[in-house]
């Protein structure tokens, strides 16, 4: 099953890619405790870590939400045909993403809202598509929601220094600016209410404007946390940051806070890049957390 029903909201996983990100846990999580991948082998292998190659496994996907008659897309992956000279694993992809979206019954023109939890290379790519030699909005009728903080931080004109180095090169120009120029981008700050079921809040640390989408409908709760968590390793070892976190201390504090909220409210946690069954319910284990159970989605492959 690729769809869950949470209260009055349906959640569908739209796959773009699943496989190796060509990084070992030590590269991806440079501050992880010594030996953690092997210690947590039963949790990580094979969906999140391949012990034979030693490399991390990751999914690129969107979460498709239907709420109050509207179609909402959370994060848009890497996109096709994008030139990514400093991230070759994501350069010039040619995936079946739009076909997978169509299989879920959604055409690009049907999307009402696009949520970019942050403006990294692998969260905004399908914001646009190539039309001849021009990048145009993929979802022409959508409002694209992005935080003011991330918009300003990733605008090359502002020349901010980033731990990502040149890894995000071309992303703003081909996946953000065309949306802004089309009048479809809405830059919000603080919090933003999409509808009675869905609310966006700032969750900084990974990037200055990282955000989390909270779903509350009936008795069901969920948090769509973007890159707050890349791997289950960061649930059982929540002090572990990825190498892409701009403010490590703030990222740790935000992760602890939101995982604590998820545990207290019995909310499903939907990270952007989890393969396997995609989402999990967590509970406290002292100052750390454990996965109580996985969501009912089928394993991605």
Protein backbone atom coordinates (compact mmCIF):
# COMPACT_ATOMS: atom_id res chain seq x y z
CA UNK A 1 0.00 0.00 0.00
CA UNK A 2 1.31 3.44 -0.90
CA UNK A 3 -1.46 5.45 0.75
CA UNK A 4 -2.42 6.13 4.35
CA UNK A 5 -5.54 7.82 5.67
CA UNK A 6 -5.02 10.09 8.67
CA UNK A 7 -8.28 11.62 9.80
CA UNK A 8 -9.69 13.45 6.78
CA UNK A 9 -6.34 13.55 4.98
CA UNK A 10 -4.86 10.95 2.64
CA UNK A 11 -1.10 10.61 2.31
CA UNK A 12 0.46 9.00 -0.77
CA UNK A 13 4.14 8.38 -1.43
CA UNK A 14 5.38 9.51 -4.87
CA UNK A 15 8.73 7.92 -5.66
CA UNK A 16 11.47 9.57 -7.65
CA UNK A 17 14.55 7.49 -6.76
CA UNK A 18 15.74 4.91 -4.25
CA UNK A 19 19.27 3.63 -3.84
CA UNK A 20 22.80 4.51 -2.78
CA UNK A 21 23.70 8.15 -2.21
CA UNK A 22 27.38 7.19 -2.62
CA UNK A 23 28.27 8.11 0.95
CA UNK A 24 29.18 5.95 3.92
CA UNK A 25 27.60 6.62 7.33
CA UNK A 26 30.88 8.15 8.44
CA UNK A 27 30.72 10.64 5.57
CA UNK A 28 26.99 11.34 5.85
CA UNK A 29 26.97 11.54 9.66
CA UNK A 30 30.49 12.65 10.65
CA UNK A 31 29.59 13.15 14.32
CA UNK A 32 27.80 9.82 14.80
CA UNK A 33 28.97 7.69 17.74
CA UNK A 34 31.75 5.26 16.91
CA UNK A 35 30.35 2.00 15.60
CA UNK A 36 26.70 3.09 15.43
CA UNK A 37 25.89 1.59 12.00
CA UNK A 38 27.08 -1.86 13.07
CA UNK A 39 25.45 -1.50 16.49
CA UNK A 40 22.11 -0.69 14.86
CA UNK A 41 22.50 -3.08 11.94
CA UNK A 42 19.08 -4.67 12.50
CA UNK A 43 17.41 -1.28 12.25
CA UNK A 44 19.41 0.15 9.35
CA UNK A 45 20.04 -2.79 7.00
CA UNK A 46 19.07 -3.14 4.22
CA UNK A 47 16.68 -0.21 3.73
CA UNK A 48 18.93 2.56 5.05
CA UNK A 49 22.42 1.09 4.95
CA UNK A 50 23.95 -1.59 2.76
CA UNK A 51 26.56 -3.40 4.89
CA UNK A 52 28.07 -5.04 1.80
CA UNK A 53 28.94 -1.74 0.11
CA UNK A 54 29.07 0.28 3.34
CA UNK A 55 26.95 2.99 1.74
CA UNK A 56 23.79 4.75 2.89
CA UNK A 57 20.54 4.05 1.09
CA UNK A 58 18.06 6.86 0.59
CA UNK A 59 14.77 7.67 -1.11
CA UNK A 60 13.87 10.73 -3.12
CA UNK A 61 10.13 11.15 -2.90
CA UNK A 62 7.25 13.53 -2.42
CA UNK A 63 4.43 13.17 0.04
CA UNK A 64 1.13 13.81 -1.73
CA UNK A 65 -1.61 15.02 0.60
CA UNK A 66 -5.29 15.46 -0.20
CA UNK A 67 -6.95 17.72 2.33
CA UNK A 68 -10.15 19.76 2.23
CA UNK A 69 -10.51 19.23 -1.51
CA UNK A 70 -7.00 20.38 -2.34
CA UNK A 71 -3.94 18.53 -3.59
CA UNK A 72 -0.72 19.33 -1.72
CA UNK A 73 2.77 18.14 -2.63
CA UNK A 74 5.44 18.11 0.09
CA UNK A 75 8.93 18.48 -1.42
CA UNK A 76 9.71 17.87 -5.07
CA UNK A 77 12.94 15.87 -5.22
CA UNK A 78 15.79 16.47 -7.65
CA UNK A 79 14.00 16.81 -10.98
CA UNK A 80 15.00 15.75 -14.47
CA UNK A 81 17.70 17.19 -16.71
CA UNK A 82 19.15 19.46 -14.01
CA UNK A 83 22.84 20.34 -14.35
CA UNK A 84 24.48 19.60 -10.97
CA UNK A 85 28.26 19.81 -11.46
CA UNK A 86 29.07 19.51 -7.74
CA UNK A 87 26.49 16.80 -7.00
CA UNK A 88 26.98 14.34 -9.88
CA UNK A 89 24.76 11.68 -8.28
CA UNK A 90 21.81 14.04 -8.92
CA UNK A 91 22.93 15.48 -12.26
CA UNK A 92 20.85 15.05 -15.42
CA UNK A 93 18.42 12.51 -13.98
CA UNK A 94 15.70 11.03 -16.14
CA UNK A 95 13.19 9.46 -13.75
CA UNK A 96 9.53 8.47 -14.02
CA UNK A 97 8.45 10.89 -11.31
CA UNK A 98 5.62 12.52 -13.29
CA UNK A 99 4.41 9.08 -14.38
CA UNK A 100 4.34 8.01 -10.75
CA UNK A 101 2.38 11.14 -9.90
CA UNK A 102 -0.06 10.33 -12.72
CA UNK A 103 -0.43 6.79 -11.37
CA UNK A 104 -1.69 8.40 -8.15
CA UNK A 105 -4.35 10.22 -10.21
CA UNK A 106 -2.66 13.63 -10.25
CA UNK A 107 -1.67 15.74 -13.25
CA UNK A 108 0.75 18.66 -12.72
CA UNK A 109 -2.08 21.15 -13.24
CA UNK A 110 -4.07 19.47 -10.44
CA UNK A 111 -1.60 20.42 -7.72
CA UNK A 112 -2.86 23.32 -5.60
CA UNK A 113 0.00 23.74 -3.11
CA UNK A 114 3.70 22.82 -3.19
CA UNK A 115 5.53 22.81 0.14
CA UNK A 116 9.32 23.12 -0.03
CA UNK A 117 10.40 22.20 3.50
CA UNK A 118 13.74 23.79 2.63
CA UNK A 119 15.60 24.77 -0.53
CA UNK A 120 18.23 22.05 -0.87
CA UNK A 121 18.98 20.45 -4.22
CA UNK A 122 16.87 17.35 -3.50
CA UNK A 123 13.72 19.13 -2.29
CA UNK A 124 12.96 21.62 -5.07
CA UNK A 125 13.96 19.96 -8.34
CA UNK A 126 10.50 19.22 -9.70
CA UNK A 127 9.42 22.76 -8.92
CA UNK A 128 10.28 23.26 -12.58
CA UNK A 129 10.59 21.31 -15.80
CA UNK A 130 12.46 21.98 -19.01
CA UNK A 131 10.31 23.47 -21.79
CA UNK A 132 12.56 23.82 -24.82
CA UNK A 133 15.49 25.70 -23.33
CA UNK A 134 13.56 27.37 -20.50
CA UNK A 135 12.73 26.23 -16.98
CA UNK A 136 9.04 26.67 -16.28
CA UNK A 137 6.89 25.79 -13.23
CA UNK A 138 5.91 22.12 -13.31
CA UNK A 139 2.74 22.87 -11.34
CA UNK A 140 1.32 25.95 -13.04
CA UNK A 141 -1.73 26.33 -10.79
CA UNK A 142 0.03 25.81 -7.47
CA UNK A 143 1.13 28.17 -4.75
CA UNK A 144 4.71 27.27 -3.84
CA UNK A 145 5.35 27.74 -0.12
CA UNK A 146 8.94 28.39 0.97
CA UNK A 147 10.34 30.20 3.97
CA UNK A 148 11.69 33.71 3.71
CA UNK A 149 14.82 32.64 5.60
CA UNK A 150 15.75 29.90 3.15
CA UNK A 151 14.86 32.02 0.13
CA UNK A 152 17.29 34.71 1.27
CA UNK A 153 19.99 32.28 2.42
CA UNK A 154 20.12 30.35 -0.87
CA UNK A 155 19.81 33.37 -3.18
CA UNK A 156 23.30 33.52 -4.76
CA UNK A 157 23.08 37.31 -4.84
CA UNK A 158 23.36 37.35 -1.03
CA UNK A 159 26.62 35.34 -1.07
CA UNK A 160 26.05 33.49 2.20
CA UNK A 161 28.65 30.91 3.18
CA UNK A 162 27.27 27.40 3.56
CA UNK A 163 28.54 24.00 4.69
CA UNK A 164 27.14 22.70 1.40
CA UNK A 165 29.87 24.57 -0.46
CA UNK A 166 28.94 24.63 -4.14
CA UNK A 167 26.67 21.59 -3.83
CA UNK A 168 23.55 23.68 -4.39
CA UNK A 169 24.95 25.39 -7.51
CA UNK A 170 22.31 26.18 -10.18
CA UNK A 171 19.46 25.14 -7.87
CA UNK A 172 18.15 28.61 -7.09
CA UNK A 173 18.42 29.68 -10.71
CA UNK A 174 16.63 26.71 -12.30
CA UNK A 175 14.24 25.57 -9.55
CA UNK A 176 13.33 28.63 -7.47
CA UNK A 177 13.70 31.79 -9.58
CA UNK A 178 11.34 30.60 -12.38
CA UNK A 179 8.62 29.96 -9.79
CA UNK A 180 9.13 33.40 -8.28
CA UNK A 181 9.12 35.08 -11.68
CA UNK A 182 5.84 33.32 -12.52
CA UNK A 183 4.27 34.86 -9.40
CA UNK A 184 3.69 31.45 -7.79
CA UNK A 185 6.12 31.66 -4.83
CA UNK A 186 4.86 32.64 -1.39
CA UNK A 187 7.56 33.35 1.19
CA UNK A 188 6.28 32.83 4.72
CA UNK A 189 7.88 33.14 8.14
CA UNK A 190 6.98 32.09 11.66
CA UNK A 191 4.11 29.75 10.87
CA UNK A 192 1.63 29.29 8.05
CA UNK A 193 -1.80 27.65 8.15
CA UNK A 194 -2.62 25.77 4.93
CA UNK A 195 -6.04 24.59 6.10
CA UNK A 196 -7.70 23.29 9.25
CA UNK A 197 -5.67 20.05 9.04
CA UNK A 198 -2.22 21.33 8.03
CA UNK A 199 0.17 23.88 9.50
CA UNK A 200 3.76 24.83 8.67
CA UNK A 201 6.25 25.94 11.33
CA UNK A 202 9.89 26.91 11.23
CA UNK A 203 12.27 24.16 12.37
CA UNK A 204 15.73 25.69 11.79
CA UNK A 205 19.13 24.11 12.07
CA UNK A 206 19.50 21.91 9.02
CA UNK A 207 19.08 25.15 7.07
CA UNK A 208 18.12 28.57 8.47
CA UNK A 209 14.60 28.21 7.09
CA UNK A 210 13.93 24.49 7.42
CA UNK A 211 10.30 23.81 8.24
CA UNK A 212 8.03 21.04 9.46
CA UNK A 213 4.47 20.35 8.33
CA UNK A 214 2.10 19.26 11.10
CA UNK A 215 -1.01 17.24 10.26
CA UNK A 216 -3.79 17.14 12.86
CA UNK A 217 -7.08 15.58 11.78
CA UNK A 218 -9.53 13.69 13.94
CA UNK A 219 -7.43 11.73 16.38
CA UNK A 220 -4.49 11.35 14.00
CA UNK A 221 -1.24 13.28 14.06
CA UNK A 222 1.78 13.38 11.74
CA UNK A 223 4.93 15.44 11.29
CA UNK A 224 6.52 15.83 7.86
CA UNK A 225 10.02 16.72 8.98
CA UNK A 226 12.01 17.15 5.77
CA UNK A 227 15.70 16.59 6.55
CA UNK A 228 15.40 16.82 10.31
CA UNK A 229 15.95 13.05 10.09
CA UNK A 230 17.71 11.35 7.16
CA UNK A 231 18.10 7.93 8.76
CA UNK A 232 16.70 5.94 11.71
CA UNK A 233 20.20 6.38 13.16
CA UNK A 234 19.15 9.97 14.00
CA UNK A 235 16.12 8.70 15.93
CA UNK A 236 18.02 6.27 18.14
CA UNK A 237 21.01 8.66 18.29
CA UNK A 238 19.24 12.06 18.04
CA UNK A 239 22.41 14.04 18.67
CA UNK A 240 23.68 12.89 15.28
CA UNK A 241 23.65 15.51 12.52
CA UNK A 242 24.16 15.04 8.81
CA UNK A 243 27.13 16.71 7.16
CA UNK A 244 24.67 19.13 5.54
CA UNK A 245 23.37 20.80 8.73
CA UNK A 246 24.16 24.52 8.66
CA UNK A 247 23.85 25.04 12.44
CA UNK A 248 24.73 21.79 14.22
CA UNK A 249 23.66 22.85 17.72
CA UNK A 250 20.34 24.23 16.50
CA UNK A 251 19.73 21.13 14.36
CA UNK A 252 20.20 18.86 17.38
CA UNK A 253 17.91 20.99 19.54
CA UNK A 254 15.21 21.07 16.86
CA UNK A 255 15.45 17.30 16.33
CA UNK A 256 15.10 16.58 20.05
CA UNK A 257 12.16 18.96 20.34
CA UNK A 258 10.19 17.60 17.41
CA UNK A 259 10.87 13.94 18.11
CA UNK A 260 9.72 14.63 21.67
CA UNK A 261 6.52 16.18 20.35
CA UNK A 262 5.98 13.20 18.07
CA UNK A 263 6.43 10.77 20.97
CA UNK A 264 4.09 12.71 23.26
CA UNK A 265 1.38 13.15 20.64
CA UNK A 266 1.74 9.69 19.05
CA UNK A 267 2.40 11.40 15.74
CA UNK A 268 3.77 9.52 12.74
CA UNK A 269 7.11 10.95 11.62
CA UNK A 270 7.49 11.29 7.83
CA UNK A 271 11.09 12.12 6.90
CA UNK A 272 11.80 13.20 3.34
CA UNK A 273 14.24 10.41 2.51
CA UNK A 274 13.18 7.26 4.35
CA UNK A 275 13.00 4.20 2.18
CA UNK A 276 11.53 1.10 3.76
CA UNK A 277 8.04 1.75 5.05
CA UNK A 278 8.53 5.49 4.88
CA UNK A 279 7.29 6.70 8.26
CA UNK A 280 7.38 5.62 11.87
CA UNK A 281 5.87 6.19 15.28
CA UNK A 282 8.50 6.93 17.92
CA UNK A 283 8.61 6.79 21.69
CA UNK A 284 11.04 8.04 24.30
CA UNK A 285 13.93 5.92 25.55
CA UNK A 286 15.45 8.12 28.25
CA UNK A 287 17.07 11.05 26.46
CA UNK A 288 16.84 9.19 23.16
CA UNK A 289 14.05 7.65 21.08
CA UNK A 290 13.15 4.31 19.59
CA UNK A 291 10.89 3.30 16.74
CA UNK A 292 7.72 1.83 18.21
CA UNK A 293 6.25 0.76 14.90
CA UNK A 294 6.47 1.50 11.20
CA UNK A 295 3.72 3.00 9.07
CA UNK A 296 1.65 0.67 6.93
CA UNK A 297 3.26 1.64 3.63
CA UNK A 298 4.87 -1.03 1.49
CA UNK A 299 8.66 -1.07 1.38
CA UNK A 300 10.07 1.06 -1.39
CA UNK A 301 12.48 -0.55 -3.85
